[in-house]
Amino acid sequence: MNVKKLLGLASIAMIGGLFFSNASFADRYEGETARVSLERRGIDLKGDVTLEATVTARIFRVTGHWVTVSRPIWVEHCPDGHGGTGKSEAWNRFYSAPKSQKPRALADAVRGIGPSTAECLVDRNYFSSKPRSWSEFKGVIRRADRNCGENLYENVIQKYGSDNMDTLGYRGDAASCHYAQEPEFYDVYEEVRRYVRDAQERFTIEVENAPLLKLESEKFTIAYDGFSDSLNVDSAFNSFQQIRQNAGDRVVYVLRGQRKPAQPLNTLVVTPRSVAGKLVLDIQDTQYDPSTIQELGTTYMVYSVMEDKLIDKAHVKNVQVELNSRTGRTTVNTGFSMSSVGKGWFSSKKHMVFVDYKVRRAGTNFFNGGVLSREGTSSKIQAR
């Protein structure tokens, strides 16, 4: 966690170049987002409706503090005069670079330091003088860890420490130095979340001018975390201008709708049967309702008859038939002879007949905004 984003640094003392702290941060409160969904379904030709909901969110108190933890690492021990002193080309390039280029030179020199972190280290003069030993270098990184980047010490020392020791010239004389495993102490910030109370808010959604037909629906989802709220609308049939208002004891969302040129649902039910050896289809529009004949417009079914779901094997292709506007039904004789299935194919292969169909609605602004017609997605049924 980036400490700079936290609130209220309490106390940090610096002794002998090292940080000793019982640093803590002011408590803050967070809400757990709760969501409630409301759904409306047709028929609603006027499209004006009021929906209400109460949403309850859980509120937590978040407290944090620094704790010192350790893990074993291998440490190089060298007699006086045999340890690395930071003599390296990497440091030479950094200290000889113009001030404007120092962040880039530092990021190139030290693995685990990115451009923004390098800029912070240079601006705060952490490397105003070159560390003369690996221990001094680690001390600088430790001091900068809380101010110039999340996980800085972990990346530079613990993850890439061996590489940086070599690159920066801190590796000692191999013949004179030895390694021992020792505990490495470093600080991590921990947070604790404790439930405090529930926060409750009442919501009213006022929908205006958003008509729906039979079988159509749209969903409204309110999100509330105890401090802020939002409304998401999922509709394939209406678009909305959203206005949020505080009304004292509740929040009111006014949704001013406009019908979309929506793709019609494929609401046809097709039942195949054989009459005198010919394929006959009984068709019913389940969206049909006597009160919405004008809104549904002229309804057609476009169909193909094929073998084994292969459109290039279609015996009848893209035939359009109009449904009765007073009943929402029709029956069509496709003329396809069921006995012709599989002719010219290997007799051992079992062939199936399928009907691919889709709905087309024309002459209604509910679906096409003045376009001649608009089609729904295709469906398939097995006829044999």
Protein backbone atom coordinates (compact mmCIF):
# COMPACT_ATOMS: atom_id res chain seq x y z
CA MET A 1 0.00 0.00 0.00
CA ASN A 2 1.28 3.45 -0.90
CA VAL A 3 1.76 5.27 2.39
CA LYS A 4 1.30 8.64 0.73
CA LYS A 5 -2.30 7.75 0.12
CA LEU A 6 -2.98 7.08 3.80
CA LEU A 7 -4.20 9.65 6.28
CA GLY A 8 -2.50 11.19 9.30
CA LEU A 9 1.08 10.05 9.87
CA ALA A 10 1.40 9.94 13.67
CA SER A 11 5.05 9.62 14.67
CA ILE A 12 8.41 8.73 13.15
CA ALA A 13 11.76 9.25 14.85
CA MET A 14 15.12 9.08 13.09
CA ILE A 15 18.12 8.01 15.15
CA GLY A 16 21.57 7.52 13.70
CA GLY A 17 20.27 7.49 10.14
CA LEU A 18 17.73 4.69 10.75
CA PHE A 19 13.99 4.91 11.22
CA PHE A 20 12.51 3.75 14.50
CA SER A 21 8.77 4.11 14.51
CA ASN A 22 5.56 3.10 16.04
CA ALA A 23 3.98 4.91 13.08
CA SER A 24 0.23 4.60 12.90
CA PHE A 25 -2.33 6.23 10.68
CA ALA A 26 -5.62 7.92 11.42
CA ASP A 27 -8.57 5.57 11.28
CA ARG A 28 -10.73 5.71 8.22
CA TYR A 29 -14.10 4.24 7.39
CA GLU A 30 -14.92 2.16 4.35
CA GLY A 31 -18.20 0.84 3.05
CA GLU A 32 -18.82 -2.58 1.54
CA THR A 33 -20.76 -2.05 -1.68
CA ALA A 34 -24.24 -3.55 -1.66
CA ARG A 35 -26.32 -3.95 -4.82
CA VAL A 36 -30.05 -4.30 -5.37
CA SER A 37 -31.54 -5.03 -8.80
CA LEU A 38 -35.06 -4.14 -9.90
CA GLU A 39 -36.62 -5.48 -13.10
CA ARG A 40 -39.55 -4.29 -15.17
CA ARG A 41 -41.25 -6.30 -17.90
CA GLY A 42 -43.69 -5.43 -20.69
CA ILE A 43 -46.39 -4.72 -21.71
CA ASP A 44 -45.98 -0.99 -20.89
CA LEU A 45 -46.60 1.16 -23.95
CA LYS A 46 -46.53 4.49 -22.12
CA GLY A 47 -43.32 3.60 -20.36
CA ASP A 48 -43.83 5.58 -17.13
CA VAL A 49 -43.18 3.69 -13.90
CA THR A 50 -41.84 4.31 -10.41
CA LEU A 51 -39.60 1.75 -8.70
CA GLU A 52 -38.46 1.83 -5.08
CA ALA A 53 -35.81 0.04 -3.06
CA THR A 54 -33.94 0.28 0.23
CA VAL A 55 -30.24 -0.66 0.15
CA THR A 56 -28.19 -1.53 3.23
CA ALA A 57 -24.37 -1.36 3.21
CA ARG A 58 -21.94 -2.52 5.90
CA ILE A 59 -19.51 0.10 7.24
CA PHE A 60 -16.05 -0.86 8.49
CA ARG A 61 -13.46 0.99 10.55
CA VAL A 62 -9.99 0.52 9.10
CA THR A 63 -6.97 0.87 11.37
CA GLY A 64 -3.37 0.40 10.34
CA HIS A 65 0.08 0.21 11.82
CA TRP A 66 3.64 -0.69 10.91
CA VAL A 67 5.04 -3.97 12.15
CA THR A 68 8.60 -5.20 11.94
CA VAL A 69 9.03 -8.64 10.41
CA SER A 70 12.09 -10.67 9.49
CA ARG A 71 13.24 -13.35 7.15
CA PRO A 72 16.59 -15.09 6.76
CA ILE A 73 19.01 -13.80 4.13
CA TRP A 74 22.64 -14.52 3.26
CA VAL A 75 24.94 -11.70 4.38
CA GLU A 76 28.50 -11.12 3.18
CA HIS A 77 31.13 -10.54 5.87
CA CYS A 78 34.49 -9.14 4.85
CA PRO A 79 37.58 -8.04 6.85
CA ASP A 80 38.41 -4.33 6.79
CA GLY A 81 39.66 -3.30 3.41
CA HIS A 82 38.23 -6.34 1.60
CA GLY A 83 34.55 -5.32 1.26
CA GLY A 84 33.05 -3.58 -1.76
CA THR A 85 33.07 0.24 -1.54
CA GLY A 86 30.72 1.08 -4.41
CA LYS A 87 33.37 1.54 -7.05
CA SER A 88 31.49 0.96 -10.30
CA GLU A 89 30.68 2.40 -13.70
CA ALA A 90 27.00 2.45 -12.73
CA TRP A 91 27.66 4.93 -9.90
CA ASN A 92 30.06 6.91 -12.08
CA ARG A 93 27.36 7.43 -14.71
CA PHE A 94 24.85 8.48 -12.07
CA TYR A 95 27.06 11.00 -10.26
CA SER A 96 28.41 12.49 -13.49
CA ALA A 97 24.97 12.89 -15.09
CA PRO A 98 23.35 16.36 -15.31
CA LYS A 99 20.65 16.93 -12.71
CA SER A 100 17.85 16.55 -15.25
CA GLN A 101 19.18 13.12 -16.28
CA LYS A 102 19.94 11.75 -12.82
CA PRO A 103 16.57 9.97 -12.32
CA ARG A 104 17.06 8.03 -15.57
CA ALA A 105 20.68 7.23 -14.64
CA LEU A 106 19.62 5.99 -11.18
CA ALA A 107 16.88 3.78 -12.62
CA ASP A 108 19.44 2.32 -15.05
CA ALA A 109 21.97 1.72 -12.26
CA VAL A 110 19.78 0.09 -9.60
CA ARG A 111 17.60 -2.85 -10.46
CA GLY A 112 14.16 -2.64 -8.86
CA ILE A 113 13.87 1.15 -9.13
CA GLY A 114 11.44 2.53 -11.70
CA PRO A 115 11.38 6.02 -13.27
CA SER A 116 8.92 7.61 -10.81
CA THR A 117 10.70 6.11 -7.79
CA ALA A 118 14.08 7.28 -9.12
CA GLU A 119 12.69 10.80 -9.50
CA CYS A 120 11.57 10.79 -5.85
CA LEU A 121 14.95 9.51 -4.64
CA VAL A 122 16.80 12.23 -6.55
CA ASP A 123 14.42 15.02 -5.52
CA ARG A 124 14.76 14.06 -1.85
CA ASN A 125 18.56 13.77 -2.06
CA TYR A 126 18.75 10.19 -0.82
CA PHE A 127 21.87 9.68 -2.94
CA SER A 128 23.46 13.12 -2.50
CA SER A 129 26.62 11.14 -1.63
CA LYS A 130 27.56 7.63 -2.62
CA PRO A 131 27.07 4.89 0.00
CA ARG A 132 30.50 3.47 0.87
CA SER A 133 29.31 -0.05 1.71
CA TRP A 134 26.48 -2.43 1.05
CA SER A 135 25.19 -1.79 4.58
CA GLU A 136 25.06 1.96 3.93
CA PHE A 137 23.27 1.39 0.63
CA LYS A 138 20.67 -0.82 2.35
CA GLY A 139 20.16 1.88 4.97
CA VAL A 140 19.40 4.48 2.30
CA ILE A 141 16.88 2.18 0.61
CA ARG A 142 15.27 1.36 3.95
CA ARG A 143 14.80 5.06 4.78
CA ALA A 144 13.33 5.74 1.35
CA ASP A 145 11.02 2.74 1.43
CA ARG A 146 8.07 4.58 2.98
CA ASN A 147 8.46 7.79 1.02
CA CYS A 148 9.40 6.88 -2.53
CA GLY A 149 7.63 3.72 -3.53
CA GLU A 150 5.73 0.71 -2.39
CA ASN A 151 7.91 -2.38 -1.77
CA LEU A 152 11.09 -0.46 -2.63
CA TYR A 153 13.28 -2.27 -0.08
CA GLU A 154 11.81 -5.65 -0.98
CA ASN A 155 12.53 -5.13 -4.70
CA VAL A 156 15.98 -3.53 -4.50
CA ILE A 157 17.49 -5.49 -1.60
CA GLN A 158 15.60 -8.72 -1.19
CA LYS A 159 14.61 -9.49 -4.78
CA TYR A 160 17.52 -8.01 -6.76
CA GLY A 161 20.08 -7.59 -4.00
CA SER A 162 22.68 -9.93 -5.48
CA ASP A 163 22.49 -8.23 -8.90
CA ASN A 164 22.74 -4.75 -7.36
CA MET A 165 25.68 -5.77 -5.19
CA ASP A 166 27.60 -6.76 -8.33
CA THR A 167 26.49 -3.83 -10.51
CA LEU A 168 27.13 -1.15 -7.90
CA GLY A 169 30.49 -2.49 -6.77
CA TYR A 170 29.63 -3.79 -3.31
CA ARG A 171 30.74 -7.39 -3.79
CA GLY A 172 33.72 -8.14 -1.58
CA ASP A 173 36.95 -10.06 -2.23
CA ALA A 174 35.82 -13.64 -2.68
CA ALA A 175 39.01 -15.04 -1.16
CA SER A 176 38.70 -13.00 2.03
CA CYS A 177 34.93 -12.79 2.60
CA HIS A 178 32.43 -15.36 3.76
CA TYR A 179 28.62 -15.59 3.89
CA ALA A 180 26.38 -16.31 6.84
CA GLN A 181 22.63 -16.54 7.15
CA GLU A 182 21.17 -13.80 9.32
CA PRO A 183 17.71 -12.36 9.96
CA GLU A 184 16.80 -9.35 7.85
CA PHE A 185 14.37 -6.96 9.57
CA TYR A 186 12.01 -4.72 7.63
CA ASP A 187 8.68 -2.98 8.18
CA VAL A 188 5.35 -3.76 6.58
CA TYR A 189 2.09 -1.89 6.90
CA GLU A 190 -0.88 -3.90 8.11
CA GLU A 191 -4.53 -2.94 8.10
CA VAL A 192 -7.40 -4.35 10.12
CA ARG A 193 -11.06 -3.91 9.12
CA ARG A 194 -13.72 -4.10 11.84
CA TYR A 195 -17.45 -3.96 11.27
CA VAL A 196 -19.00 -0.84 12.81
CA ARG A 197 -22.60 -0.45 11.66
CA ASP A 198 -25.07 -0.63 8.79
CA ALA A 199 -25.86 2.35 6.58
CA GLN A 200 -29.23 2.42 4.89
CA GLU A 201 -30.54 4.54 2.03
CA ARG A 202 -33.91 4.67 0.27
CA PHE A 203 -34.00 5.00 -3.50
CA THR A 204 -36.72 5.93 -5.96
CA ILE A 205 -36.33 5.37 -9.71
CA GLU A 206 -38.72 7.36 -11.86
CA VAL A 207 -38.78 5.94 -15.40
CA GLU A 208 -40.27 8.18 -18.10
CA ASN A 209 -41.14 7.40 -21.73
CA ALA A 210 -39.55 3.94 -21.88
CA PRO A 211 -42.10 1.59 -23.51
CA LEU A 212 -41.74 -2.17 -23.44
CA LEU A 213 -43.58 -4.85 -25.38
CA LYS A 214 -44.51 -8.35 -24.34
CA LEU A 215 -41.49 -10.50 -23.33
CA GLU A 216 -39.21 -7.45 -23.18
CA SER A 217 -37.51 -6.48 -19.93
CA GLU A 218 -34.85 -4.19 -18.50
CA LYS A 219 -32.93 -4.19 -15.23
CA PHE A 220 -31.90 -1.36 -12.91
CA THR A 221 -29.09 -2.02 -10.41
CA ILE A 222 -28.41 0.34 -7.50
CA ALA A 223 -24.94 0.22 -5.91
CA TYR A 224 -24.46 1.81 -2.47
CA ASP A 225 -21.44 1.68 -0.13
CA GLY A 226 -22.72 3.88 2.70
CA PHE A 227 -21.07 7.01 1.28
CA SER A 228 -21.90 7.14 -2.42
CA ASP A 229 -24.29 5.46 -4.82
CA SER A 230 -24.72 4.79 -8.52
CA LEU A 231 -27.34 3.37 -10.86
CA ASN A 232 -26.66 1.02 -13.77
CA VAL A 233 -29.31 0.35 -16.40
CA ASP A 234 -29.28 -2.80 -18.53
CA SER A 235 -31.72 -2.41 -21.42
CA ALA A 236 -31.65 -3.52 -25.02
CA PHE A 237 -34.78 -1.52 -25.81
CA ASN A 238 -34.44 1.97 -24.29
CA SER A 239 -31.62 4.46 -23.74
CA PHE A 240 -31.83 6.85 -20.79
CA GLN A 241 -30.78 10.30 -19.68
CA GLN A 242 -30.02 9.86 -15.98
CA ILE A 243 -30.58 12.63 -13.40
CA ARG A 244 -29.75 12.11 -9.71
CA GLN A 245 -31.53 14.17 -7.05
CA ASN A 246 -31.29 14.31 -3.25
CA ALA A 247 -34.81 14.41 -1.85
CA GLY A 248 -34.20 14.60 1.89
CA ASP A 249 -35.09 11.12 3.10
CA ARG A 250 -34.18 9.41 -0.16
CA VAL A 251 -32.23 9.55 -3.41
CA VAL A 252 -34.27 9.94 -6.58
CA TYR A 253 -33.03 8.87 -10.01
CA VAL A 254 -35.03 10.30 -12.91
CA LEU A 255 -34.58 8.27 -16.11
CA ARG A 256 -35.82 9.96 -19.29
CA GLY A 257 -36.11 7.25 -21.88
CA GLN A 258 -35.97 6.99 -25.64
CA ARG A 259 -36.82 3.82 -27.52
CA LYS A 260 -33.82 2.24 -29.26
CA PRO A 261 -34.02 0.75 -32.78
CA ALA A 262 -33.70 -2.61 -31.05
CA GLN A 263 -33.13 -5.96 -32.68
CA PRO A 264 -36.34 -7.95 -32.26
CA LEU A 265 -36.31 -11.00 -30.05
CA ASN A 266 -36.69 -14.25 -31.93
CA THR A 267 -40.00 -15.06 -30.29
CA LEU A 268 -41.24 -17.51 -32.92
CA VAL A 269 -42.16 -21.05 -32.00
CA VAL A 270 -41.98 -23.36 -35.02
CA THR A 271 -43.50 -26.84 -34.96
CA PRO A 272 -42.66 -29.15 -37.89
CA ARG A 273 -44.93 -31.92 -39.15
CA SER A 274 -45.27 -34.04 -42.22
CA VAL A 275 -48.34 -33.75 -44.43
CA ALA A 276 -48.52 -36.09 -47.42
CA GLY A 277 -44.74 -36.48 -47.23
CA LYS A 278 -44.12 -32.73 -47.30
CA LEU A 279 -42.58 -30.66 -44.50
CA VAL A 280 -45.18 -28.31 -43.00
CA LEU A 281 -44.37 -25.67 -40.37
CA ASP A 282 -46.82 -24.30 -37.80
CA ILE A 283 -45.59 -20.88 -36.69
CA GLN A 284 -46.58 -18.88 -33.60
CA ASP A 285 -45.27 -15.50 -32.44
CA THR A 286 -45.18 -15.67 -28.64
CA GLN A 287 -44.70 -11.89 -28.46
CA TYR A 288 -48.01 -11.30 -30.19
CA ASP A 289 -50.64 -9.42 -28.18
CA PRO A 290 -53.85 -7.88 -29.59
CA SER A 291 -53.06 -4.57 -27.85
CA THR A 292 -49.65 -4.17 -29.53
CA ILE A 293 -50.39 -5.06 -33.16
CA GLN A 294 -49.33 -1.60 -34.37
CA GLU A 295 -46.13 -1.57 -32.27
CA LEU A 296 -45.05 -5.04 -33.44
CA GLY A 297 -45.62 -4.08 -37.08
CA THR A 298 -45.80 -6.65 -39.85
CA THR A 299 -44.20 -9.89 -38.69
CA TYR A 300 -42.43 -12.30 -41.02
CA MET A 301 -40.53 -15.52 -40.62
CA VAL A 302 -37.50 -16.06 -42.88
CA TYR A 303 -36.56 -19.75 -43.04
CA SER A 304 -34.30 -22.28 -44.74
CA VAL A 305 -34.57 -26.07 -44.78
CA MET A 306 -31.26 -27.92 -44.78
CA GLU A 307 -29.59 -31.22 -44.09
CA ASP A 308 -27.23 -31.68 -41.14
CA LYS A 309 -27.21 -27.97 -40.18
CA LEU A 310 -25.23 -27.09 -43.32
CA ILE A 311 -26.55 -23.98 -45.05
CA ASP A 312 -24.82 -24.99 -48.29
CA LYS A 313 -26.94 -28.16 -48.18
CA ALA A 314 -30.14 -26.11 -48.03
CA HIS A 315 -33.01 -27.48 -50.09
CA VAL A 316 -35.14 -24.39 -49.39
CA LYS A 317 -33.29 -21.15 -48.65
CA ASN A 318 -34.33 -17.74 -47.23
CA VAL A 319 -38.05 -18.01 -47.86
CA GLN A 320 -40.14 -15.26 -46.26
CA VAL A 321 -43.64 -15.85 -44.97
CA GLU A 322 -45.96 -13.30 -43.31
CA LEU A 323 -47.80 -14.09 -40.07
CA ASN A 324 -51.48 -13.28 -39.60
CA SER A 325 -51.65 -9.86 -37.89
CA ARG A 326 -54.90 -10.79 -36.07
CA THR A 327 -53.64 -14.05 -34.55
CA GLY A 328 -49.84 -13.95 -34.65
CA ARG A 329 -49.85 -17.36 -36.32
CA THR A 330 -49.55 -19.01 -39.73
CA THR A 331 -48.92 -22.39 -41.34
CA VAL A 332 -46.64 -22.91 -44.32
CA ASN A 333 -46.07 -25.91 -46.57
CA THR A 334 -42.38 -25.74 -47.45
CA GLY A 335 -42.81 -28.09 -50.41
CA PHE A 336 -39.79 -30.01 -49.17
CA SER A 337 -40.14 -33.77 -49.60
CA MET A 338 -38.95 -35.60 -46.50
CA SER A 339 -38.20 -38.68 -48.62
CA SER A 340 -35.43 -36.78 -50.46
CA VAL A 341 -33.20 -36.63 -47.39
CA GLY A 342 -29.84 -38.31 -47.92
CA LYS A 343 -30.29 -39.00 -51.64
CA GLY A 344 -26.90 -39.23 -53.34
CA TRP A 345 -25.14 -39.66 -49.98
CA PHE A 346 -23.58 -42.79 -48.52
CA SER A 347 -26.43 -44.96 -47.31
CA SER A 348 -24.61 -45.70 -44.05
CA LYS A 349 -24.77 -42.02 -43.03
CA LYS A 350 -27.74 -40.93 -40.93
CA HIS A 351 -29.11 -37.62 -42.19
CA MET A 352 -31.15 -35.09 -40.25
CA VAL A 353 -33.32 -32.24 -41.48
CA PHE A 354 -33.12 -28.83 -39.80
CA VAL A 355 -35.09 -25.63 -40.17
CA ASP A 356 -33.15 -22.38 -39.69
CA TYR A 357 -35.46 -19.43 -39.01
CA LYS A 358 -35.54 -15.85 -37.78
CA VAL A 359 -38.13 -13.17 -37.20
CA ARG A 360 -38.37 -9.98 -39.25
CA ARG A 361 -40.50 -7.03 -38.21
CA ALA A 362 -41.30 -4.19 -40.57
CA GLY A 363 -43.19 -0.91 -40.49
CA THR A 364 -42.67 -0.06 -36.82
CA ASN A 365 -40.39 2.43 -35.08
CA PHE A 366 -40.22 0.13 -32.07
CA PHE A 367 -37.63 -1.98 -33.83
CA ASN A 368 -36.10 -0.19 -36.76
CA GLY A 369 -36.51 3.58 -36.44
CA GLY A 370 -38.04 3.89 -39.90
CA VAL A 371 -35.85 1.27 -41.63
CA LEU A 372 -37.85 -1.07 -43.84
CA SER A 373 -37.28 -4.11 -41.63
CA ARG A 374 -35.03 -5.56 -38.97
CA GLU A 375 -34.24 -9.21 -38.28
CA GLY A 376 -33.71 -11.13 -35.08
CA THR A 377 -31.09 -13.80 -34.52
CA SER A 378 -31.41 -17.22 -36.10
CA SER A 379 -32.69 -20.34 -34.39
CA LYS A 380 -32.70 -23.97 -35.50
CA ILE A 381 -35.07 -26.85 -34.90
CA GLN A 382 -34.71 -30.47 -35.88
CA ALA A 383 -37.45 -31.51 -38.27
CA ARG A 384 -36.43 -35.15 -38.50
